C-alpha atoms as a PDB file:
ATOM      1  CA  MET A   1     186.454 -21.812 -75.179  1.00  0.00           C
ATOM      2  CA  LYS A   2     189.549 -19.770 -75.987  1.00  0.00           C
ATOM      3  CA  ARG A   3     191.617 -20.653 -79.048  1.00  0.00           C
ATOM      4  CA  THR A   4     195.345 -20.029 -79.107  1.00  0.00           C
ATOM      5  CA  ASP A   5     198.218 -20.993 -81.344  1.00  0.00           C
ATOM      6  CA  THR A   6     199.073 -23.926 -79.074  1.00  0.00           C
ATOM      7  CA  THR A   7     196.946 -27.071 -78.791  1.00  0.00           C
ATOM      8  CA  THR A   8     194.604 -26.350 -75.880  1.00  0.00           C
ATOM      9  CA  SER A   9     191.350 -27.867 -77.113  1.00  0.00           C
ATOM     10  CA  VAL A  10     189.887 -30.666 -75.061  1.00  0.00           C
ATOM     11  CA  VAL A  11     187.619 -31.735 -77.923  1.00  0.00           C
ATOM     12  CA  GLU A  12     189.436 -31.839 -81.241  1.00  0.00           C
ATOM     13  CA  LEU A  13     192.062 -34.539 -80.968  1.00  0.00           C
ATOM     14  CA  PRO A  14     193.426 -37.084 -83.457  1.00  0.00           C
ATOM     15  CA  HIS A  15     191.666 -40.009 -81.775  1.00  0.00           C
ATOM     16  CA  GLY A  16     188.285 -38.431 -81.178  1.00  0.00           C
ATOM     17  CA  HIS A  17     186.714 -36.797 -78.115  1.00  0.00           C
ATOM     18  CA  GLN A  18     188.914 -36.454 -75.054  1.00  0.00           C
ATOM     19  CA  THR A  19     187.268 -36.044 -71.674  1.00  0.00           C
ATOM     20  CA  LEU A  20     188.150 -33.242 -69.284  1.00  0.00           C
ATOM     21  CA  SER A  21     189.623 -35.698 -66.750  1.00  0.00           C
ATOM     22  CA  VAL A  22     191.914 -37.295 -69.324  1.00  0.00           C
ATOM     23  CA  TYR A  23     193.054 -33.881 -70.554  1.00  0.00           C
ATOM     24  CA  ILE A  24     193.805 -32.666 -67.018  1.00  0.00           C
ATOM     25  CA  LYS A  25     195.849 -35.799 -66.287  1.00  0.00           C
ATOM     26  CA  ALA A  26     197.852 -35.309 -69.479  1.00  0.00           C
ATOM     27  CA  ARG A  27     198.666 -31.700 -68.529  1.00  0.00           C
ATOM     28  CA  PHE A  28     199.098 -32.272 -64.779  1.00  0.00           C
ATOM     29  CA  ASP A  29     202.866 -31.736 -64.551  1.00  0.00           C
ATOM     30  CA  GLU A  30     202.535 -28.298 -66.184  1.00  0.00           C
ATOM     31  CA  PHE A  31     200.421 -26.810 -63.392  1.00  0.00           C
ATOM     32  CA  SER A  32     201.554 -24.817 -60.373  1.00  0.00           C
ATOM     33  CA  ARG A  33     201.283 -26.362 -56.926  1.00  0.00           C
ATOM     34  CA  SER A  34     197.952 -24.672 -56.142  1.00  0.00           C
ATOM     35  CA  GLN A  35     196.607 -25.504 -59.609  1.00  0.00           C
ATOM     36  CA  LYS A  36     197.517 -29.155 -59.009  1.00  0.00           C
ATOM     37  CA  ASP A  37     195.258 -29.084 -55.936  1.00  0.00           C
ATOM     38  CA  VAL A  38     192.383 -27.961 -58.164  1.00  0.00           C
ATOM     39  CA  ALA A  39     193.275 -30.548 -60.820  1.00  0.00           C
ATOM     40  CA  GLN A  40     193.326 -33.387 -58.297  1.00  0.00           C
ATOM     41  CA  TYR A  41     189.987 -32.373 -56.867  1.00  0.00           C
ATOM     42  CA  ILE A  42     188.236 -32.060 -60.219  1.00  0.00           C
ATOM     43  CA  VAL A  43     189.482 -35.432 -61.455  1.00  0.00           C
ATOM     44  CA  ASP A  44     188.396 -37.249 -58.293  1.00  0.00           C
ATOM     45  CA  HIS A  45     185.215 -35.242 -57.581  1.00  0.00           C
ATOM     46  CA  LEU A  46     183.832 -34.590 -61.052  1.00  0.00           C
ATOM     47  CA  ASP A  47     180.242 -34.430 -59.810  1.00  0.00           C
ATOM     48  CA  GLU A  48     181.084 -31.539 -57.504  1.00  0.00           C
ATOM     49  CA  ALA A  49     183.079 -29.694 -60.172  1.00  0.00           C
ATOM     50  CA  ALA A  50     180.124 -30.065 -62.529  1.00  0.00           C
ATOM     51  CA  PHE A  51     177.564 -28.381 -60.292  1.00  0.00           C
ATOM     52  CA  GLN A  52     179.329 -26.285 -57.644  1.00  0.00           C
ATOM     53  CA  THR A  53     180.355 -22.638 -57.929  1.00  0.00           C
ATOM     54  CA  ALA A  54     183.998 -21.666 -58.314  1.00  0.00           C
ATOM     55  CA  GLU A  55     183.960 -20.476 -54.678  1.00  0.00           C
ATOM     56  CA  GLU A  56     182.601 -23.805 -53.405  1.00  0.00           C
ATOM     57  CA  LEU A  57     185.093 -25.788 -55.481  1.00  0.00           C
ATOM     58  CA  ALA A  58     187.947 -23.610 -54.229  1.00  0.00           C
ATOM     59  CA  ARG A  59     186.924 -24.259 -50.625  1.00  0.00           C
ATOM     60  CA  ARG A  60     186.848 -28.018 -51.216  1.00  0.00           C
ATOM     61  CA  ALA A  61     190.278 -27.927 -52.875  1.00  0.00           C
ATOM     62  CA  ASN A  62     191.733 -25.732 -50.098  1.00  0.00           C
ATOM     63  CA  THR A  63     192.585 -22.897 -52.458  1.00  0.00           C
ATOM     64  CA  SER A  64     191.118 -19.620 -53.761  1.00  0.00           C
ATOM     65  CA  SER A  65     188.450 -18.974 -56.383  1.00  0.00           C
ATOM     66  CA  SER A  66     190.991 -16.954 -58.385  1.00  0.00           C
ATOM     67  CA  THR A  67     193.184 -20.057 -58.583  1.00  0.00           C
ATOM     68  CA  VAL A  68     190.209 -22.023 -59.925  1.00  0.00           C
ATOM     69  CA  VAL A  69     189.702 -19.374 -62.621  1.00  0.00           C
ATOM     70  CA  ARG A  70     193.421 -19.298 -63.521  1.00  0.00           C
ATOM     71  CA  PHE A  71     193.430 -23.084 -63.702  1.00  0.00           C
ATOM     72  CA  SER A  72     190.481 -22.965 -66.110  1.00  0.00           C
ATOM     73  CA  GLN A  73     192.345 -20.491 -68.287  1.00  0.00           C
ATOM     74  CA  ALA A  74     195.526 -22.576 -68.149  1.00  0.00           C
ATOM     75  CA  LEU A  75     193.522 -25.404 -69.725  1.00  0.00           C
ATOM     76  CA  GLY A  76     192.431 -23.082 -72.554  1.00  0.00           C
ATOM     77  CA  PHE A  77     188.966 -22.093 -71.323  1.00  0.00           C
ATOM     78  CA  GLU A  78     187.719 -18.513 -71.141  1.00  0.00           C
ATOM     79  CA  GLY A  79     186.881 -19.070 -67.486  1.00  0.00           C
ATOM     80  CA  PHE A  80     185.354 -21.457 -64.958  1.00  0.00           C
ATOM     81  CA  PRO A  81     181.852 -21.649 -66.560  1.00  0.00           C
ATOM     82  CA  GLU A  82     183.368 -23.153 -69.723  1.00  0.00           C
ATOM     83  CA  LEU A  83     185.395 -25.684 -67.712  1.00  0.00           C
ATOM     84  CA  GLN A  84     182.275 -26.528 -65.721  1.00  0.00           C
ATOM     85  CA  GLN A  85     180.341 -27.195 -68.906  1.00  0.00           C
ATOM     86  CA  ALA A  86     183.001 -29.711 -69.981  1.00  0.00           C
ATOM     87  CA  ALA A  87     182.778 -31.305 -66.516  1.00  0.00           C
ATOM     88  CA  ARG A  88     178.989 -31.592 -66.811  1.00  0.00           C
ATOM     89  CA  GLU A  89     179.227 -33.210 -70.231  1.00  0.00           C
ATOM     90  CA  GLU A  90     181.686 -35.820 -68.944  1.00  0.00           C
ATOM     91  CA  TYR A  91     179.651 -36.400 -65.770  1.00  0.00           C
ATOM     92  CA  ARG A  92     176.396 -36.941 -67.680  1.00  0.00           C
ATOM     93  CA  ARG A  93     178.067 -39.243 -70.179  1.00  0.00           C
ATOM     94  CA  ARG A  94     179.693 -41.230 -67.359  1.00  0.00           C
ATOM     95  CA  ARG A  95     176.420 -41.554 -65.452  1.00  0.00           C
ATOM     96  CA  GLY A  96     174.663 -42.679 -68.614  1.00  0.00           C
ATOM     97  CA  GLU A  97     177.243 -45.418 -69.131  1.00  0.00           C
ATOM     98  CA  GLU A  98     177.042 -46.556 -65.485  1.00  0.00           C
ATOM     99  CA  ASP A  99     173.225 -46.618 -65.401  1.00  0.00           C
ATOM    100  CA  GLY A 100     172.895 -48.225 -68.815  1.00  0.00           C
ATOM    101  CA  GLY A 101     170.231 -45.702 -69.668  1.00  0.00           C
ATOM    102  CA  THR A 102     168.137 -46.604 -66.605  1.00  0.00           C
ATOM    103  CA  LEU A 103     167.372 -44.671 -63.442  1.00  0.00           C
ATOM    104  CA  SER A 104     169.834 -45.091 -60.560  1.00  0.00           C
ATOM    105  CA  ALA A 105     168.796 -46.373 -57.129  1.00  0.00           C
ATOM    106  CA  ALA A 106     166.615 -44.190 -54.959  1.00  0.00           C
ATOM    107  CA  PRO A 107     168.438 -41.831 -52.588  1.00  0.00           C
ATOM    108  CA  LEU A 108     168.712 -42.648 -48.889  1.00  0.00           C
ATOM    109  CA  PHE A 109     166.805 -39.526 -47.862  1.00  0.00           C
ATOM    110  CA  SER A 110     164.171 -37.214 -49.343  1.00  0.00           C
ATOM    111  CA  LEU A 111     165.120 -34.074 -51.254  1.00  0.00           C
ATOM    112  CA  ASP A 112     164.512 -31.927 -48.175  1.00  0.00           C
ATOM    113  CA  HIS A 113     167.104 -33.806 -46.141  1.00  0.00           C
ATOM    114  CA  THR A 114     168.845 -32.177 -43.181  1.00  0.00           C
ATOM    115  CA  GLU A 115     172.555 -31.409 -43.007  1.00  0.00           C
ATOM    116  CA  PHE A 116     172.994 -34.492 -40.814  1.00  0.00           C
ATOM    117  CA  GLU A 117     171.283 -36.708 -43.396  1.00  0.00           C
ATOM    118  CA  ALA A 118     173.273 -35.118 -46.222  1.00  0.00           C
ATOM    119  CA  ALA A 119     176.542 -36.012 -44.482  1.00  0.00           C
ATOM    120  CA  LEU A 120     175.398 -39.610 -43.905  1.00  0.00           C
ATOM    121  CA  ALA A 121     174.270 -39.907 -47.509  1.00  0.00           C
ATOM    122  CA  ALA A 122     177.655 -38.617 -48.715  1.00  0.00           C
ATOM    123  CA  ASP A 123     179.461 -41.260 -46.635  1.00  0.00           C
ATOM    124  CA  HIS A 124     177.231 -43.957 -48.096  1.00  0.00           C
ATOM    125  CA  VAL A 125     178.134 -42.805 -51.602  1.00  0.00           C
ATOM    126  CA  ASN A 126     181.830 -42.562 -50.690  1.00  0.00           C
ATOM    127  CA  VAL A 127     182.017 -46.189 -49.577  1.00  0.00           C
ATOM    128  CA  GLU A 128     180.129 -47.322 -52.662  1.00  0.00           C
ATOM    129  CA  GLU A 129     182.324 -45.232 -54.977  1.00  0.00           C
ATOM    130  CA  THR A 130     185.487 -46.578 -53.327  1.00  0.00           C
ATOM    131  CA  ALA A 131     184.291 -50.168 -53.689  1.00  0.00           C
ATOM    132  CA  ARG A 132     183.561 -49.584 -57.374  1.00  0.00           C
ATOM    133  CA  LYS A 133     186.892 -47.992 -58.218  1.00  0.00           C
ATOM    134  CA  VAL A 134     189.232 -50.203 -56.214  1.00  0.00           C
ATOM    135  CA  SER A 135     191.078 -52.777 -58.268  1.00  0.00           C
ATOM    136  CA  ARG A 136     191.025 -56.365 -57.019  1.00  0.00           C
ATOM    137  CA  GLY A 137     194.560 -56.778 -58.355  1.00  0.00           C
ATOM    138  CA  ASP A 138     195.788 -53.762 -56.351  1.00  0.00           C
ATOM    139  CA  VAL A 139     194.067 -55.051 -53.207  1.00  0.00           C
ATOM    140  CA  GLU A 140     195.647 -58.491 -53.582  1.00  0.00           C
ATOM    141  CA  ALA A 141     199.035 -56.876 -54.186  1.00  0.00           C
ATOM    142  CA  ALA A 142     198.606 -54.777 -51.027  1.00  0.00           C
ATOM    143  CA  ILE A 143     197.674 -57.834 -48.960  1.00  0.00           C
ATOM    144  CA  ASP A 144     200.620 -59.785 -50.376  1.00  0.00           C
ATOM    145  CA  ALA A 145     202.952 -56.926 -49.467  1.00  0.00           C
ATOM    146  CA  ILE A 146     201.632 -56.752 -45.893  1.00  0.00           C
ATOM    147  CA  VAL A 147     201.849 -60.516 -45.348  1.00  0.00           C
ATOM    148  CA  SER A 148     205.372 -60.834 -46.767  1.00  0.00           C
ATOM    149  CA  ALA A 149     206.883 -57.748 -45.102  1.00  0.00           C
ATOM    150  CA  GLU A 150     209.174 -58.181 -42.126  1.00  0.00           C
ATOM    151  CA  ARG A 151     208.013 -54.799 -40.856  1.00  0.00           C
ATOM    152  CA  VAL A 152     205.180 -52.441 -41.859  1.00  0.00           C
ATOM    153  CA  LEU A 153     205.809 -48.706 -41.431  1.00  0.00           C
ATOM    154  CA  ILE A 154     202.629 -46.613 -41.690  1.00  0.00           C
ATOM    155  CA  ALA A 155     203.099 -42.876 -42.285  1.00  0.00           C
ATOM    156  CA  GLY A 156     200.225 -40.520 -41.551  1.00  0.00           C
ATOM    157  CA  VAL A 157     200.370 -36.942 -40.248  1.00  0.00           C
ATOM    158  CA  ASP A 158     197.711 -34.648 -38.745  1.00  0.00           C
ATOM    159  CA  GLN A 159     194.241 -36.117 -39.448  1.00  0.00           C
ATOM    160  CA  MET A 160     195.857 -39.184 -41.022  1.00  0.00           C
ATOM    161  CA  ALA A 161     197.742 -39.977 -37.792  1.00  0.00           C
ATOM    162  CA  PHE A 162     194.615 -41.525 -36.270  1.00  0.00           C
ATOM    163  CA  PHE A 163     194.129 -43.859 -39.235  1.00  0.00           C
ATOM    164  CA  ALA A 164     197.816 -44.799 -39.218  1.00  0.00           C
ATOM    165  CA  SER A 165     197.526 -45.713 -35.541  1.00  0.00           C
ATOM    166  CA  TYR A 166     194.318 -47.690 -36.097  1.00  0.00           C
ATOM    167  CA  PHE A 167     195.791 -49.587 -39.041  1.00  0.00           C
ATOM    168  CA  ARG A 168     198.807 -50.426 -36.861  1.00  0.00           C
ATOM    169  CA  HIS A 169     196.449 -51.691 -34.136  1.00  0.00           C
ATOM    170  CA  LEU A 170     194.626 -53.969 -36.594  1.00  0.00           C
ATOM    171  CA  LEU A 171     197.898 -55.450 -37.850  1.00  0.00           C
ATOM    172  CA  MET A 172     199.291 -55.910 -34.359  1.00  0.00           C
ATOM    173  CA  LEU A 173     196.174 -57.919 -33.453  1.00  0.00           C
ATOM    174  CA  LEU A 174     197.426 -60.345 -36.120  1.00  0.00           C
ATOM    175  CA  ASP A 175     200.855 -60.330 -34.442  1.00  0.00           C
ATOM    176  CA  LEU A 176     202.405 -58.450 -37.362  1.00  0.00           C
ATOM    177  CA  ARG A 177     205.209 -56.007 -36.661  1.00  0.00           C
ATOM    178  CA  ALA A 178     203.857 -52.535 -37.432  1.00  0.00           C
ATOM    179  CA  GLU A 179     205.052 -49.030 -36.575  1.00  0.00           C
ATOM    180  CA  THR A 180     203.832 -45.513 -37.321  1.00  0.00           C
ATOM    181  CA  VAL A 181     205.374 -42.206 -38.336  1.00  0.00           C
ATOM    182  CA  ALA A 182     203.048 -39.387 -37.329  1.00  0.00           C
ATOM    183  CA  SER A 183     205.429 -36.458 -36.771  1.00  0.00           C
ATOM    184  CA  PRO A 184     209.042 -35.419 -37.426  1.00  0.00           C
ATOM    185  CA  SER A 185     210.079 -36.449 -33.915  1.00  0.00           C
ATOM    186  CA  GLN A 186     213.454 -38.012 -33.174  1.00  0.00           C
ATOM    187  CA  GLU A 187     211.796 -41.387 -32.559  1.00  0.00           C
ATOM    188  CA  ALA A 188     209.894 -41.236 -35.843  1.00  0.00           C
ATOM    189  CA  LEU A 189     212.992 -40.225 -37.803  1.00  0.00           C
ATOM    190  CA  GLY A 190     214.767 -43.203 -36.257  1.00  0.00           C
ATOM    191  CA  ARG A 191     212.082 -45.481 -37.698  1.00  0.00           C
ATOM    192  CA  LEU A 192     212.591 -43.909 -41.119  1.00  0.00           C
ATOM    193  CA  ALA A 193     216.321 -44.577 -40.855  1.00  0.00           C
ATOM    194  CA  ARG A 194     215.600 -48.318 -40.553  1.00  0.00           C
ATOM    195  CA  ILE A 195     213.674 -48.562 -43.841  1.00  0.00           C
ATOM    196  CA  ASP A 196     215.067 -51.313 -46.039  1.00  0.00           C
ATOM    197  CA  GLU A 197     213.922 -53.795 -48.698  1.00  0.00           C
ATOM    198  CA  ARG A 198     212.094 -55.878 -46.068  1.00  0.00           C
ATOM    199  CA  THR A 199     209.999 -52.913 -44.858  1.00  0.00           C
ATOM    200  CA  LEU A 200     206.612 -52.150 -46.395  1.00  0.00           C
ATOM    201  CA  VAL A 201     206.055 -48.388 -46.272  1.00  0.00           C
ATOM    202  CA  VAL A 202     202.401 -47.299 -46.276  1.00  0.00           C
ATOM    203  CA  GLY A 203     201.653 -43.632 -46.957  1.00  0.00           C
ATOM    204  CA  LEU A 204     198.243 -42.200 -45.978  1.00  0.00           C
ATOM    205  CA  SER A 205     197.234 -38.968 -47.666  1.00  0.00           C
ATOM    206  CA  ALA A 206     194.195 -36.665 -47.881  1.00  0.00           C
ATOM    207  CA  GLY A 207     194.323 -33.770 -50.307  1.00  0.00           C
ATOM    208  CA  ARG A 208     197.760 -32.192 -50.585  1.00  0.00           C
ATOM    209  CA  PRO A 209     200.173 -34.631 -48.885  1.00  0.00           C
ATOM    210  CA  HIS A 210     202.190 -33.522 -45.877  1.00  0.00           C
ATOM    211  CA  PRO A 211     205.890 -32.995 -46.768  1.00  0.00           C
ATOM    212  CA  LEU A 212     206.905 -35.674 -44.253  1.00  0.00           C
ATOM    213  CA  ILE A 213     204.787 -38.282 -46.058  1.00  0.00           C
ATOM    214  CA  THR A 214     206.249 -37.314 -49.420  1.00  0.00           C
ATOM    215  CA  ARG A 215     209.803 -37.529 -48.052  1.00  0.00           C
ATOM    216  CA  THR A 216     209.022 -40.898 -46.473  1.00  0.00           C
ATOM    217  CA  MET A 217     207.815 -42.323 -49.790  1.00  0.00           C
ATOM    218  CA  LYS A 218     210.824 -40.919 -51.643  1.00  0.00           C
ATOM    219  CA  LEU A 219     213.176 -42.443 -49.070  1.00  0.00           C
ATOM    220  CA  ALA A 220     211.416 -45.812 -49.355  1.00  0.00           C
ATOM    221  CA  ARG A 221     211.698 -45.676 -53.126  1.00  0.00           C
ATOM    222  CA  HIS A 222     215.407 -44.817 -52.899  1.00  0.00           C
ATOM    223  CA  ARG A 223     216.023 -47.771 -50.583  1.00  0.00           C
ATOM    224  CA  LYS A 224     214.005 -50.106 -52.837  1.00  0.00           C
ATOM    225  CA  ALA A 225     211.401 -50.782 -50.136  1.00  0.00           C
ATOM    226  CA  PRO A 226     207.913 -51.914 -51.243  1.00  0.00           C
ATOM    227  CA  THR A 227     205.436 -49.029 -51.025  1.00  0.00           C
ATOM    228  CA  LEU A 228     201.664 -48.699 -50.684  1.00  0.00           C
ATOM    229  CA  ALA A 229     199.761 -45.417 -51.007  1.00  0.00           C
ATOM    230  CA  ILE A 230     196.224 -44.961 -49.696  1.00  0.00           C
ATOM    231  CA  ALA A 231     194.996 -41.574 -50.911  1.00  0.00           C
ATOM    232  CA  ASP A 232     191.846 -39.673 -51.844  1.00  0.00           C
ATOM    233  CA  ALA A 233     193.460 -38.129 -54.943  1.00  0.00           C
ATOM    234  CA  THR A 234     194.473 -40.330 -57.864  1.00  0.00           C
ATOM    235  CA  LEU A 235     196.960 -37.641 -58.938  1.00  0.00           C
ATOM    236  CA  SER A 236     198.472 -37.341 -55.459  1.00  0.00           C
ATOM    237  CA  GLU A 237     202.262 -37.183 -55.333  1.00  0.00           C
ATOM    238  CA  VAL A 238     202.217 -39.898 -52.665  1.00  0.00           C
ATOM    239  CA  ALA A 239     200.309 -42.189 -55.041  1.00  0.00           C
ATOM    240  CA  ARG A 240     202.700 -41.400 -57.883  1.00  0.00           C
ATOM    241  CA  LEU A 241     205.660 -42.435 -55.715  1.00  0.00           C
ATOM    242  CA  ALA A 242     204.113 -45.740 -54.597  1.00  0.00           C
ATOM    243  CA  ARG A 243     204.249 -49.125 -56.298  1.00  0.00           C
ATOM    244  CA  ILE A 244     200.751 -50.095 -55.079  1.00  0.00           C
ATOM    245  CA  ARG A 245     197.943 -47.513 -54.974  1.00  0.00           C
ATOM    246  CA  LEU A 246     194.516 -47.649 -53.358  1.00  0.00           C
ATOM    247  CA  TYR A 247     192.085 -44.756 -53.828  1.00  0.00           C
ATOM    248  CA  TYR A 248     189.195 -43.802 -51.563  1.00  0.00           C
ATOM    249  CA  SER A 249     186.469 -41.217 -52.098  1.00  0.00           C
ATOM    250  CA  SER A 250     186.209 -38.369 -49.579  1.00  0.00           C
ATOM    251  CA  ASN A 251     183.320 -36.212 -50.835  1.00  0.00           C
ATOM    252  CA  SER A 252     181.470 -34.375 -48.083  1.00  0.00           C
ATOM    253  CA  PRO A 253     179.014 -31.474 -47.759  1.00  0.00           C
ATOM    254  CA  ALA A 254     180.624 -30.672 -44.406  1.00  0.00           C
ATOM    255  CA  TYR A 255     183.562 -28.380 -43.629  1.00  0.00           C
ATOM    256  CA  VAL A 256     186.019 -31.317 -43.556  1.00  0.00           C
ATOM    257  CA  ARG A 257     186.705 -34.252 -45.866  1.00  0.00           C
ATOM    258  CA  SER A 258     184.932 -37.515 -45.188  1.00  0.00           C
ATOM    259  CA  HIS A 259     187.114 -40.432 -44.110  1.00  0.00           C
ATOM    260  CA  ALA A 260     184.371 -43.044 -43.773  1.00  0.00           C
ATOM    261  CA  ALA A 261     185.588 -44.840 -46.900  1.00  0.00           C
ATOM    262  CA  LEU A 262     189.212 -44.699 -45.674  1.00  0.00           C
ATOM    263  CA  LEU A 263     188.211 -46.417 -42.441  1.00  0.00           C
ATOM    264  CA  ALA A 264     186.287 -49.069 -44.378  1.00  0.00           C
ATOM    265  CA  LEU A 265     189.244 -49.598 -46.717  1.00  0.00           C
ATOM    266  CA  ILE A 266     191.725 -50.050 -43.864  1.00  0.00           C
ATOM    267  CA  GLN A 267     189.460 -52.518 -42.058  1.00  0.00           C
ATOM    268  CA  ALA A 268     188.849 -54.465 -45.273  1.00  0.00           C
ATOM    269  CA  LEU A 269     192.608 -54.673 -45.918  1.00  0.00           C
ATOM    270  CA  ALA A 270     193.230 -56.017 -42.420  1.00  0.00           C
ATOM    271  CA  TYR A 271     190.445 -58.556 -42.869  1.00  0.00           C
ATOM    272  CA  GLY A 272     191.984 -59.603 -46.189  1.00  0.00           C
ATOM    273  CA  VAL A 273     195.260 -60.288 -44.374  1.00  0.00           C
ATOM    274  CA  TYR A 274     193.407 -62.233 -41.671  1.00  0.00           C
ATOM    275  CA  ALA A 275     191.585 -64.348 -44.275  1.00  0.00           C
ATOM    276  CA  ARG A 276     194.882 -65.594 -45.717  1.00  0.00           C
ATOM    277  CA  ASP A 277     195.346 -67.828 -42.652  1.00  0.00           C
ATOM    278  CA  ALA A 278     192.328 -67.407 -40.383  1.00  0.00           C
ATOM    279  CA  ASN A 279     193.121 -70.357 -38.082  1.00  0.00           C
ATOM    280  CA  ALA A 280     196.647 -69.180 -37.324  1.00  0.00           C
ATOM    281  CA  TYR A 281     195.564 -65.569 -36.861  1.00  0.00           C
ATOM    282  CA  ASP A 282     192.755 -66.603 -34.486  1.00  0.00           C
ATOM    283  CA  MET A 283     195.358 -68.081 -32.155  1.00  0.00           C
ATOM    284  CA  ARG A 284     197.450 -64.921 -32.368  1.00  0.00           C
ATOM    285  CA  ILE A 285     194.478 -62.677 -31.648  1.00  0.00           C
ATOM    286  CA  LYS A 286     193.579 -64.733 -28.557  1.00  0.00           C
ATOM    287  CA  ALA A 287     197.182 -64.547 -27.339  1.00  0.00           C
ATOM    288  CA  PHE A 288     197.275 -60.785 -27.911  1.00  0.00           C
ATOM    289  CA  ARG A 289     194.093 -60.247 -25.906  1.00  0.00           C
ATOM    290  CA  LEU A 290     195.478 -62.296 -22.993  1.00  0.00           C
ATOM    291  CA  LYS A 291     198.587 -60.103 -22.686  1.00  0.00           C
END
């Protein structure tokens, strides 16, 4: 690891050993936009950073391998291999704490699994990882915000537009007023103009957030509207702008991110709302289906 006159060590700190993830979070605002993409991915996908090549990590983070190397050097490492070693040390220590020194559960498939089985196995892990990391307090706060809002505005662009529409459908089944913003159309901008303190604004984000989602969350914050972010990056700008944050894991061996855990999270949220007053919502659902 490179030594400079400034404090760049991730090991020697006043209060003992500092993990790579903690150090990256502390330095996050110093990075360039593309370096922030790498930082977000490493923090939320430490297992991949620990064992993938710089080229594979760059592809997952939607950037270049040279950016991964520059990011490593910005942290004070000679290059990516030194950063990867720190990632492996944190990953092994974390797994040891989670397993309590025992072997983890057997994998779903054998070691010679197919690409299809690998993708299914990744989704299984994503849902489990999301369930482990989600805070019950944050979930309850999100449900409270949905139930008490006069209107729910769900913002999701590109691949997130489908999930925004599906979340709206689930809430409308409960006779809750819900709308979506999926593009910078005149109609969508009109919905943004009506954001006020009685509107819950939900921002959906995968990887680097779309500028429209970021602007929506900033507008909601300016107008003192309650905000909920559902993102796959804990360091996402959308999450940083929101009052309530829910994180989902999106690891995947495929050429696109996995959204299996996002779908499960959205359905679980809707069910949490339903459970607040199941008898009343049953009547509403029946009425909705008869329309």
